């Protein structure tokens, strides 16, 4: 057990060192993921499950567990998971023609589990085990060094019960090993067990916009402007029913037909697995890097935790939580907020979903497939002040032979170089395949600083599709 833990930690260390020192960040490889969903509390869980399944070849799906939440307190709806997976079974083989690796229908059916039909902490403790909580323990215990991403779309008490049971039945060392193999991304707090988990297991990797104020939560940037009343520079038509009917629900086969109309906000749960999609942008273990699932930083929030706690306790320790991006919207205005870290990618993730729903019914020759960005390798990704560094992506390709366009984004927030003295870096060729990054001699730094560049490569297919390359440049004094 001790050797396994040492090997696992070594892998994490080497991963972090690779990102820090070798600067084109690769994101291949599948993540293990287990979903906890209060499906049928409103339509958005079913919407997210449809999207999840058309990306299921990007994951090793370990479980789909029906749970309760503050919106669904004393029952679960595993039957709805079965309905949607049944529809997936009708289109799985066609999906496999477009990309390989989709789980079989039977494999997914065997991994649909039931949580306890009780609310929050009332469902945690002696005699509160469920099929779902026991299954979660068995998944984490597998002889697999990869962590398990627990994607929580509703209440967290299935995870809470698993942690409670392991703490009751194992040594402290075994408990620590168990906790070290879990990654949590939860959609706010939808019962009182999430705060309990964060307090009782302080070393657990945890991404959350804490509390129940959905308007301020990062995840609401996926579609929440009409519902939650915040400003956005994204195209709101892409997340509303007319676009969804045309591109997802109607005339797109049995799986698309399972996608319900939006009643509140579209797919509030989807950001919890967005960072696990291998699109060249996402780096799941680095929430501060930003990606389709948003950007998060590790700190202890100052505001109070879950509103139904009697004593209104404050967050007990640092968590991965809301961080701001500065983004220019389609209206030309500059937005600086946490929602922008998701909606900035909206056209890409909506077009990508539309293409994959097309895959459920279309022949390969009739559908669009994502481009393959490539950047010519360099011996060093370091640049001194007063000099420049160049990048060439002209070797990028497209499997359908489509024409490609290029967009280079300077993404300063994930790095530790922040426009010294408010004098920015300079760039030439941001809309071409070749980029020149210039560090003016007025930049004065005493230690090496990093900054991120994102290459977007987009084809001209219908719908247009985008893939990425992330480069980390080290600026030297």
Protein backbone atom coordinates (compact mmCIF):
# COMPACT_ATOMS: atom_id res chain seq x y z
CA UNK A 1 0.00 0.00 0.00
CA UNK A 2 2.78 2.39 0.95
CA UNK A 3 4.69 1.62 -2.28
CA UNK A 4 1.55 2.25 -4.38
CA UNK A 5 1.07 5.62 -2.74
CA UNK A 6 4.72 6.57 -3.32
CA UNK A 7 4.45 5.66 -7.01
CA UNK A 8 1.22 7.61 -7.36
CA UNK A 9 2.72 10.73 -5.78
CA UNK A 10 5.78 10.37 -8.00
CA UNK A 11 3.57 10.38 -11.07
CA UNK A 12 1.88 13.57 -9.89
CA UNK A 13 5.25 15.18 -9.20
CA UNK A 14 6.60 14.31 -12.63
CA UNK A 15 3.39 15.58 -14.25
CA UNK A 16 3.77 18.92 -12.49
CA UNK A 17 7.45 19.13 -13.38
CA UNK A 18 6.68 18.42 -17.03
CA UNK A 19 4.19 21.27 -17.17
CA UNK A 20 6.63 23.63 -15.48
CA UNK A 21 9.67 22.83 -17.63
CA UNK A 22 8.69 21.41 -20.99
CA UNK A 23 6.30 23.97 -22.44
CA UNK A 24 3.88 22.48 -24.98
CA UNK A 25 1.29 20.93 -22.67
CA UNK A 26 -0.19 17.65 -23.91
CA UNK A 27 -3.52 16.43 -22.50
CA UNK A 28 -3.97 12.95 -23.99
CA UNK A 29 -5.12 10.00 -21.90
CA UNK A 30 -8.44 9.11 -20.35
CA UNK A 31 -9.61 10.18 -16.92
CA UNK A 32 -11.66 7.90 -14.68
CA UNK A 33 -14.99 9.55 -13.84
CA UNK A 34 -17.98 8.67 -11.66
CA UNK A 35 -21.12 10.83 -11.86
CA UNK A 36 -23.50 11.57 -8.96
CA UNK A 37 -26.72 13.05 -10.34
CA UNK A 38 -30.02 14.24 -8.91
CA UNK A 39 -31.49 13.67 -12.36
CA UNK A 40 -35.17 14.64 -12.78
CA UNK A 41 -35.05 17.46 -10.24
CA UNK A 42 -35.16 19.64 -13.38
CA UNK A 43 -34.22 19.05 -17.04
CA UNK A 44 -30.57 20.08 -16.91
CA UNK A 45 -29.19 16.79 -15.54
CA UNK A 46 -30.72 14.89 -18.44
CA UNK A 47 -29.29 17.48 -20.83
CA UNK A 48 -25.83 17.07 -19.31
CA UNK A 49 -26.07 13.27 -19.44
CA UNK A 50 -26.79 13.33 -23.18
CA UNK A 51 -23.69 15.47 -23.72
CA UNK A 52 -21.64 13.30 -21.35
CA UNK A 53 -22.47 10.18 -23.35
CA UNK A 54 -21.39 11.58 -26.72
CA UNK A 55 -18.02 12.31 -25.10
CA UNK A 56 -17.86 9.02 -23.19
CA UNK A 57 -14.97 7.75 -25.32
CA UNK A 58 -12.88 10.52 -23.72
CA UNK A 59 -13.40 9.01 -20.25
CA UNK A 60 -13.27 5.72 -18.45
CA UNK A 61 -16.82 5.87 -17.10
CA UNK A 62 -16.81 4.25 -13.66
CA UNK A 63 -20.37 4.90 -12.59
CA UNK A 64 -23.64 6.81 -13.06
CA UNK A 65 -25.25 7.10 -9.64
CA UNK A 66 -28.73 8.52 -8.97
CA UNK A 67 -28.78 10.75 -5.86
CA UNK A 68 -30.91 13.22 -3.94
CA UNK A 69 -30.36 16.96 -3.49
CA UNK A 70 -32.00 19.98 -1.96
CA UNK A 71 -34.25 19.96 -5.03
CA UNK A 72 -35.05 16.22 -4.85
CA UNK A 73 -34.97 15.28 -1.18
CA UNK A 74 -36.55 11.87 -0.67
CA UNK A 75 -36.36 9.98 -3.95
CA UNK A 76 -33.96 9.15 -6.74
CA UNK A 77 -34.50 8.67 -10.48
CA UNK A 78 -32.15 5.97 -11.71
CA UNK A 79 -34.89 5.03 -14.21
CA UNK A 80 -34.12 8.22 -16.14
CA UNK A 81 -30.44 7.35 -16.40
CA UNK A 82 -31.50 3.97 -17.84
CA UNK A 83 -33.75 5.67 -20.42
CA UNK A 84 -30.95 7.89 -21.71
CA UNK A 85 -28.37 5.09 -21.72
CA UNK A 86 -30.89 2.93 -23.63
CA UNK A 87 -30.99 5.64 -26.31
CA UNK A 88 -27.18 5.74 -26.32
CA UNK A 89 -27.18 2.00 -26.95
CA UNK A 90 -29.02 2.57 -30.22
CA UNK A 91 -26.35 4.95 -31.55
CA UNK A 92 -23.15 3.74 -29.90
CA UNK A 93 -21.92 1.77 -32.93
CA UNK A 94 -22.39 4.77 -35.20
CA UNK A 95 -20.46 6.98 -32.80
CA UNK A 96 -17.65 4.42 -32.88
CA UNK A 97 -17.29 4.92 -36.64
CA UNK A 98 -16.29 8.55 -36.05
CA UNK A 99 -14.00 8.11 -33.04
CA UNK A 100 -12.98 4.93 -31.32
CA UNK A 101 -13.27 4.03 -27.66
CA UNK A 102 -16.96 4.46 -26.81
CA UNK A 103 -18.06 2.19 -23.96
CA UNK A 104 -20.50 -0.55 -24.84
CA UNK A 105 -24.15 -0.28 -23.92
CA UNK A 106 -23.91 -3.21 -21.53
CA UNK A 107 -20.84 -1.74 -19.82
CA UNK A 108 -22.74 1.47 -19.02
CA UNK A 109 -25.90 -0.34 -17.93
CA UNK A 110 -23.89 -2.30 -15.36
CA UNK A 111 -22.57 0.95 -13.90
CA UNK A 112 -25.91 2.63 -13.22
CA UNK A 113 -26.32 2.60 -9.44
CA UNK A 114 -28.71 3.88 -6.77
CA UNK A 115 -27.81 6.26 -3.98
CA UNK A 116 -29.77 6.48 -0.75
CA UNK A 117 -33.16 8.25 -1.11
CA UNK A 118 -32.49 10.52 1.85
CA UNK A 119 -31.42 14.13 1.98
CA UNK A 120 -27.87 15.25 2.78
CA UNK A 121 -26.30 14.28 6.10
CA UNK A 122 -29.45 12.43 7.10
CA UNK A 123 -28.21 9.83 4.62
CA UNK A 124 -24.72 9.56 6.13
CA UNK A 125 -23.64 7.30 8.98
CA UNK A 126 -24.33 3.87 10.42
CA UNK A 127 -26.79 1.89 8.30
CA UNK A 128 -26.72 4.47 5.46
CA UNK A 129 -24.70 2.49 2.91
CA UNK A 130 -26.18 2.30 -0.56
CA UNK A 131 -25.45 0.54 -3.80
CA UNK A 132 -23.93 3.83 -4.98
CA UNK A 133 -21.68 4.49 -1.97
CA UNK A 134 -20.36 0.91 -1.92
CA UNK A 135 -19.74 1.06 -5.65
CA UNK A 136 -17.80 4.31 -5.28
CA UNK A 137 -15.51 2.65 -2.70
CA UNK A 138 -14.88 -0.29 -5.01
CA UNK A 139 -14.04 2.04 -7.89
CA UNK A 140 -11.49 4.02 -5.87
CA UNK A 141 -10.00 0.75 -4.57
CA UNK A 142 -9.31 -0.59 -8.07
CA UNK A 143 -5.74 -1.44 -8.94
CA UNK A 144 -5.45 1.71 -11.06
CA UNK A 145 -3.11 4.57 -10.15
CA UNK A 146 -5.24 7.15 -11.96
CA UNK A 147 -7.41 9.25 -9.66
CA UNK A 148 -11.20 9.01 -9.79
CA UNK A 149 -12.99 12.21 -10.75
CA UNK A 150 -16.28 12.37 -8.83
CA UNK A 151 -18.50 14.65 -10.89
CA UNK A 152 -21.30 15.83 -8.58
CA UNK A 153 -24.42 17.22 -10.27
CA UNK A 154 -26.66 17.18 -7.19
CA UNK A 155 -26.15 16.30 -3.54
CA UNK A 156 -22.85 14.88 -2.33
CA UNK A 157 -24.05 12.44 0.34
CA UNK A 158 -23.12 9.30 -1.62
CA UNK A 159 -19.52 10.45 -1.58
CA UNK A 160 -19.88 11.51 2.06
CA UNK A 161 -21.08 8.03 3.04
CA UNK A 162 -18.20 6.39 1.18
CA UNK A 163 -15.69 8.57 3.02
CA UNK A 164 -17.46 7.99 6.35
CA UNK A 165 -17.35 4.22 5.91
CA UNK A 166 -13.70 4.13 4.89
CA UNK A 167 -12.78 6.24 7.91
CA UNK A 168 -14.69 3.85 10.18
CA UNK A 169 -13.18 0.67 8.77
CA UNK A 170 -9.58 1.46 7.80
CA UNK A 171 -6.39 2.80 9.29
CA UNK A 172 -5.49 6.48 9.04
CA UNK A 173 -2.84 5.67 6.44
CA UNK A 174 -5.34 3.70 4.36
CA UNK A 175 -7.86 6.53 4.65
CA UNK A 176 -5.28 9.05 3.43
CA UNK A 177 -4.46 6.85 0.46
CA UNK A 178 -8.15 6.51 -0.38
CA UNK A 179 -8.69 10.29 -0.20
CA UNK A 180 -5.59 10.95 -2.31
CA UNK A 181 -7.15 9.07 -5.23
CA UNK A 182 -10.30 11.22 -5.42
CA UNK A 183 -10.85 14.46 -7.33
CA UNK A 184 -14.15 16.27 -6.77
CA UNK A 185 -15.79 18.83 -9.04
CA UNK A 186 -19.21 19.66 -7.63
CA UNK A 187 -21.86 22.02 -8.94
CA UNK A 188 -22.15 24.28 -5.89
CA UNK A 189 -23.59 22.78 -2.69
CA UNK A 190 -26.90 21.04 -3.26
CA UNK A 191 -27.12 19.51 0.19
CA UNK A 192 -25.38 19.96 3.54
CA UNK A 193 -22.93 17.07 3.07
CA UNK A 194 -20.53 18.91 0.75
CA UNK A 195 -19.42 21.32 3.46
CA UNK A 196 -19.12 18.42 5.90
CA UNK A 197 -16.81 16.61 3.45
CA UNK A 198 -14.57 19.64 3.04
CA UNK A 199 -14.35 20.09 6.79
CA UNK A 200 -13.81 16.44 7.73
CA UNK A 201 -11.37 15.58 4.91
CA UNK A 202 -9.13 18.63 4.55
CA UNK A 203 -6.73 17.00 2.08
CA UNK A 204 -9.43 16.09 -0.44
CA UNK A 205 -9.01 17.76 -3.86
CA UNK A 206 -12.22 19.79 -4.19
CA UNK A 207 -13.46 22.18 -6.91
CA UNK A 208 -16.59 24.12 -5.98
CA UNK A 209 -18.31 27.49 -6.00
CA UNK A 210 -19.51 26.96 -2.41
CA UNK A 211 -23.03 27.62 -1.18
CA UNK A 212 -26.29 27.83 -3.08
CA UNK A 213 -25.98 31.23 -4.74
CA UNK A 214 -25.94 29.93 -8.29
CA UNK A 215 -25.80 33.39 -9.82
CA UNK A 216 -22.25 33.89 -8.58
CA UNK A 217 -21.02 30.36 -9.30
CA UNK A 218 -18.43 29.89 -12.03
CA UNK A 219 -20.30 26.95 -13.58
CA UNK A 220 -23.31 29.17 -14.38
CA UNK A 221 -21.17 30.77 -17.09
CA UNK A 222 -22.03 27.83 -19.33
CA UNK A 223 -25.46 29.30 -20.08
CA UNK A 224 -26.78 31.26 -17.14
CA UNK A 225 -27.11 34.84 -18.34
CA UNK A 226 -30.87 34.78 -19.02
CA UNK A 227 -31.68 32.89 -15.81
CA UNK A 228 -29.24 34.39 -13.35
CA UNK A 229 -29.07 37.94 -14.67
CA UNK A 230 -25.34 38.51 -15.09
CA UNK A 231 -23.66 40.25 -18.00
CA UNK A 232 -21.91 38.17 -20.63
CA UNK A 233 -20.11 38.78 -23.87
CA UNK A 234 -21.11 35.38 -25.25
CA UNK A 235 -23.74 34.51 -27.85
CA UNK A 236 -26.80 33.66 -25.74
CA UNK A 237 -28.69 32.17 -28.71
CA UNK A 238 -26.35 29.15 -28.63
CA UNK A 239 -27.75 28.01 -25.25
CA UNK A 240 -31.46 28.58 -25.84
CA UNK A 241 -34.17 26.25 -27.04
CA UNK A 242 -34.44 27.33 -30.71
CA UNK A 243 -30.76 26.55 -31.36
CA UNK A 244 -30.93 23.36 -29.27
CA UNK A 245 -34.04 22.13 -31.07
CA UNK A 246 -32.40 22.63 -34.46
CA UNK A 247 -28.98 21.25 -33.61
CA UNK A 248 -29.55 18.69 -30.84
CA UNK A 249 -33.14 17.65 -30.08
CA UNK A 250 -34.98 17.33 -33.39
CA UNK A 251 -34.02 15.05 -36.28
CA UNK A 252 -30.81 14.00 -34.57
CA UNK A 253 -31.67 10.43 -33.65
CA UNK A 254 -32.78 8.71 -30.45
CA UNK A 255 -30.11 10.20 -28.18
CA UNK A 256 -30.77 13.75 -29.29
CA UNK A 257 -34.48 13.12 -28.73
CA UNK A 258 -33.74 12.44 -25.04
CA UNK A 259 -32.42 15.98 -24.61
CA UNK A 260 -35.21 17.96 -22.89
CA UNK A 261 -35.99 21.61 -23.47
CA UNK A 262 -34.32 24.13 -21.20
CA UNK A 263 -36.52 25.41 -18.38
CA UNK A 264 -33.98 27.34 -16.30
CA UNK A 265 -30.40 27.32 -17.59
CA UNK A 266 -28.89 24.86 -20.04
CA UNK A 267 -26.73 22.07 -18.63
CA UNK A 268 -25.66 23.55 -15.34
CA UNK A 269 -23.88 20.28 -14.52
CA UNK A 270 -21.76 19.96 -17.65
CA UNK A 271 -18.79 22.05 -16.41
CA UNK A 272 -18.07 19.30 -13.85
CA UNK A 273 -16.80 17.02 -16.62
CA UNK A 274 -15.80 19.56 -19.28
CA UNK A 275 -12.21 19.67 -18.01
CA UNK A 276 -11.87 15.91 -18.64
CA UNK A 277 -12.37 16.22 -22.41
CA UNK A 278 -9.15 15.87 -24.38
CA UNK A 279 -9.34 18.97 -26.56
CA UNK A 280 -5.77 20.24 -26.13
CA UNK A 281 -6.86 23.06 -23.81
CA UNK A 282 -8.04 21.29 -20.67
CA UNK A 283 -5.55 20.19 -17.98
CA UNK A 284 -7.77 18.59 -15.35
CA UNK A 285 -5.19 18.39 -12.57
CA UNK A 286 -4.46 22.11 -12.95
CA UNK A 287 -7.77 23.95 -12.37
CA UNK A 288 -5.88 27.27 -12.36
CA UNK A 289 -4.93 26.72 -16.01
CA UNK A 290 -8.51 27.27 -17.20
CA UNK A 291 -10.48 25.39 -19.86
CA UNK A 292 -13.98 24.52 -20.96
CA UNK A 293 -14.91 23.75 -17.33
CA UNK A 294 -13.75 27.20 -16.14
CA UNK A 295 -10.77 28.40 -14.16
CA UNK A 296 -10.30 28.00 -10.40
CA UNK A 297 -7.68 29.04 -7.88
CA UNK A 298 -6.74 27.44 -4.56
CA UNK A 299 -7.66 29.67 -1.61
CA UNK A 300 -9.95 29.88 1.42
CA UNK A 301 -13.11 31.84 0.57
CA UNK A 302 -14.04 34.58 3.02
CA UNK A 303 -17.80 34.21 2.69
CA UNK A 304 -19.98 31.83 4.69
CA UNK A 305 -20.65 28.27 3.66
CA UNK A 306 -23.84 26.38 2.89
CA UNK A 307 -26.80 28.48 3.97
CA UNK A 308 -28.69 25.74 5.82
CA UNK A 309 -25.93 25.14 8.37
CA UNK A 310 -27.26 26.28 11.72
CA UNK A 311 -24.12 28.12 12.76
CA UNK A 312 -23.27 29.48 9.28
CA UNK A 313 -19.70 28.27 9.46
CA UNK A 314 -17.02 29.72 7.23
CA UNK A 315 -15.18 27.54 4.71
CA UNK A 316 -12.69 25.61 6.85
CA UNK A 317 -9.75 25.40 4.44
CA UNK A 318 -8.50 26.30 0.97
CA UNK A 319 -10.46 24.85 -1.95
CA UNK A 320 -10.29 25.21 -5.71
CA UNK A 321 -12.83 27.95 -6.29
CA UNK A 322 -13.85 30.96 -8.39
CA UNK A 323 -11.21 32.88 -10.35
CA UNK A 324 -11.58 35.77 -12.77
CA UNK A 325 -10.65 35.93 -16.44
CA UNK A 326 -10.47 39.10 -18.51
CA UNK A 327 -12.22 38.43 -21.83
CA UNK A 328 -13.37 40.54 -24.76
CA UNK A 329 -16.94 39.55 -25.66
CA UNK A 330 -18.53 39.36 -29.08
CA UNK A 331 -19.90 42.85 -28.36
CA UNK A 332 -16.36 44.25 -28.09
CA UNK A 333 -16.69 44.97 -24.38
CA UNK A 334 -14.17 43.77 -21.78
CA UNK A 335 -15.57 41.46 -19.07
CA UNK A 336 -13.63 40.58 -15.93
CA UNK A 337 -15.36 37.88 -13.89
CA UNK A 338 -15.40 34.18 -13.13
CA UNK A 339 -18.26 33.33 -15.52
CA UNK A 340 -16.10 34.49 -18.42
CA UNK A 341 -13.68 31.62 -17.77
CA UNK A 342 -16.37 29.33 -19.23
CA UNK A 343 -18.46 31.39 -21.64
CA UNK A 344 -15.34 32.53 -23.51
CA UNK A 345 -15.28 29.02 -25.10
CA UNK A 346 -19.04 28.82 -25.79
CA UNK A 347 -19.09 28.76 -29.57
CA UNK A 348 -16.47 26.01 -29.60
CA UNK A 349 -18.16 23.75 -27.04
CA UNK A 350 -21.62 24.18 -28.54
CA UNK A 351 -20.44 23.51 -32.09
CA UNK A 352 -18.52 20.49 -30.82
CA UNK A 353 -21.65 19.08 -29.18
CA UNK A 354 -23.69 19.63 -32.33
CA UNK A 355 -21.10 17.78 -34.40
CA UNK A 356 -21.03 14.81 -32.03
CA UNK A 357 -24.82 14.52 -31.99
CA UNK A 358 -24.57 14.44 -35.79
CA UNK A 359 -22.17 11.51 -35.39
CA UNK A 360 -24.92 9.46 -33.76
CA UNK A 361 -26.77 9.20 -37.08
CA UNK A 362 -24.40 10.36 -39.88
CA UNK A 363 -21.92 8.54 -42.05
CA UNK A 364 -18.31 9.54 -41.54
CA UNK A 365 -18.10 11.26 -44.92
CA UNK A 366 -21.17 13.37 -44.16
CA UNK A 367 -20.00 14.71 -40.79
CA UNK A 368 -17.36 17.11 -39.55
CA UNK A 369 -14.44 16.06 -37.35
CA UNK A 370 -12.06 18.22 -35.32
CA UNK A 371 -8.78 19.53 -36.70
CA UNK A 372 -5.41 18.41 -35.38
CA UNK A 373 -3.27 21.37 -34.22
CA UNK A 374 0.47 20.91 -34.40
CA UNK A 375 3.27 23.24 -33.42
CA UNK A 376 6.82 22.81 -34.64
CA UNK A 377 8.91 21.80 -31.66
CA UNK A 378 11.51 24.13 -30.21
CA UNK A 379 14.60 23.37 -28.18
CA UNK A 380 13.60 25.98 -25.63
CA UNK A 381 10.46 27.85 -24.69
CA UNK A 382 12.36 30.52 -22.82
CA UNK A 383 12.71 34.13 -23.92
CA UNK A 384 14.79 36.94 -22.46
CA UNK A 385 13.50 40.44 -21.89
CA UNK A 386 14.25 42.64 -24.88
CA UNK A 387 13.95 39.71 -27.32
CA UNK A 388 11.31 37.53 -28.98
CA UNK A 389 10.23 33.96 -29.60
CA UNK A 390 8.27 32.57 -32.57
CA UNK A 391 5.92 29.63 -33.10
CA UNK A 392 4.79 27.87 -36.28
CA UNK A 393 1.51 25.89 -36.48
CA UNK A 394 1.36 25.60 -40.26
CA UNK A 395 1.82 21.82 -40.00
CA UNK A 396 -1.68 21.49 -38.47
CA UNK A 397 -4.08 19.21 -40.36
CA UNK A 398 -7.77 18.42 -40.71
CA UNK A 399 -9.11 14.87 -41.19
CA UNK A 400 -11.83 16.08 -43.56
CA UNK A 401 -9.54 18.27 -45.64
CA UNK A 402 -11.22 21.47 -44.42
CA UNK A 403 -9.52 24.84 -44.48
CA UNK A 404 -8.07 25.97 -41.18
CA UNK A 405 -7.96 29.31 -39.43
CA UNK A 406 -5.69 30.21 -36.53
CA UNK A 407 -6.11 32.33 -33.45
CA UNK A 408 -3.40 32.81 -30.82
CA UNK A 409 -4.67 33.84 -27.39
CA UNK A 410 -2.47 35.29 -24.69
CA UNK A 411 -3.85 33.78 -21.48
CA UNK A 412 -1.96 35.56 -18.68
CA UNK A 413 -4.14 34.54 -15.72
CA UNK A 414 -2.74 30.99 -15.33
CA UNK A 415 0.86 32.22 -15.35
CA UNK A 416 2.77 34.28 -12.83
CA UNK A 417 3.77 37.05 -15.21
CA UNK A 418 1.12 39.76 -15.05
CA UNK A 419 1.89 42.63 -17.43
CA UNK A 420 4.72 44.12 -15.39
CA UNK A 421 4.19 47.85 -14.73
CA UNK A 422 0.98 47.52 -16.78
CA UNK A 423 3.09 47.30 -19.91
CA UNK A 424 1.96 44.28 -21.88
CA UNK A 425 3.79 41.82 -24.04
CA UNK A 426 3.48 42.30 -27.77
CA UNK A 427 2.36 39.82 -30.41
CA UNK A 428 2.53 39.69 -34.21
CA UNK A 429 0.54 37.30 -36.42
CA UNK A 430 -2.20 36.40 -33.93
CA UNK A 431 -4.60 35.50 -36.78
CA UNK A 432 -2.09 33.51 -38.81
CA UNK A 433 -0.37 30.15 -38.46
CA UNK A 434 2.82 31.84 -37.23
CA UNK A 435 3.08 33.87 -34.03
CA UNK A 436 5.85 36.14 -32.84
CA UNK A 437 5.86 37.00 -29.13
CA UNK A 438 7.92 40.06 -28.20
CA UNK A 439 9.09 40.87 -24.67
CA UNK A 440 9.93 44.59 -24.80
CA UNK A 441 13.07 45.77 -23.06
CA UNK A 442 10.92 47.86 -20.71
CA UNK A 443 9.86 44.59 -19.00
CA UNK A 444 11.88 44.39 -15.80
CA UNK A 445 11.73 41.20 -13.73
CA UNK A 446 14.05 39.74 -11.14
CA UNK A 447 13.06 36.08 -11.42
CA UNK A 448 11.79 33.87 -14.27
CA UNK A 449 8.07 34.32 -14.97
CA UNK A 450 5.65 32.12 -16.94
CA UNK A 451 2.83 33.07 -19.25
CA UNK A 452 0.42 30.92 -21.28
CA UNK A 453 -0.39 31.03 -24.98
CA UNK A 454 -3.37 29.16 -26.44
CA UNK A 455 -3.41 28.20 -30.09
CA UNK A 456 -6.96 27.79 -31.45
CA UNK A 457 -7.22 25.95 -34.76
CA UNK A 458 -10.71 26.02 -36.31
CA UNK A 459 -11.92 24.32 -39.48
CA UNK A 460 -14.53 25.62 -41.92
CA UNK A 461 -16.79 22.57 -41.67
CA UNK A 462 -20.44 22.64 -40.65
CA UNK A 463 -20.47 23.13 -37.72
CA UNK A 464 -16.98 24.57 -37.44
CA UNK A 465 -14.82 22.73 -34.90
CA UNK A 466 -11.92 23.94 -32.76
CA UNK A 467 -9.00 22.24 -31.08
CA UNK A 468 -6.14 23.74 -29.11
CA UNK A 469 -2.49 23.67 -28.10
CA UNK A 470 -1.32 25.27 -24.87
CA UNK A 471 2.20 26.66 -24.65
CA UNK A 472 3.86 27.85 -21.45
CA UNK A 473 6.60 30.39 -22.11
CA UNK A 474 9.17 31.26 -19.46
CA UNK A 475 10.30 34.88 -19.52
CA UNK A 476 13.85 35.26 -18.25
CA UNK A 477 15.29 38.38 -16.57
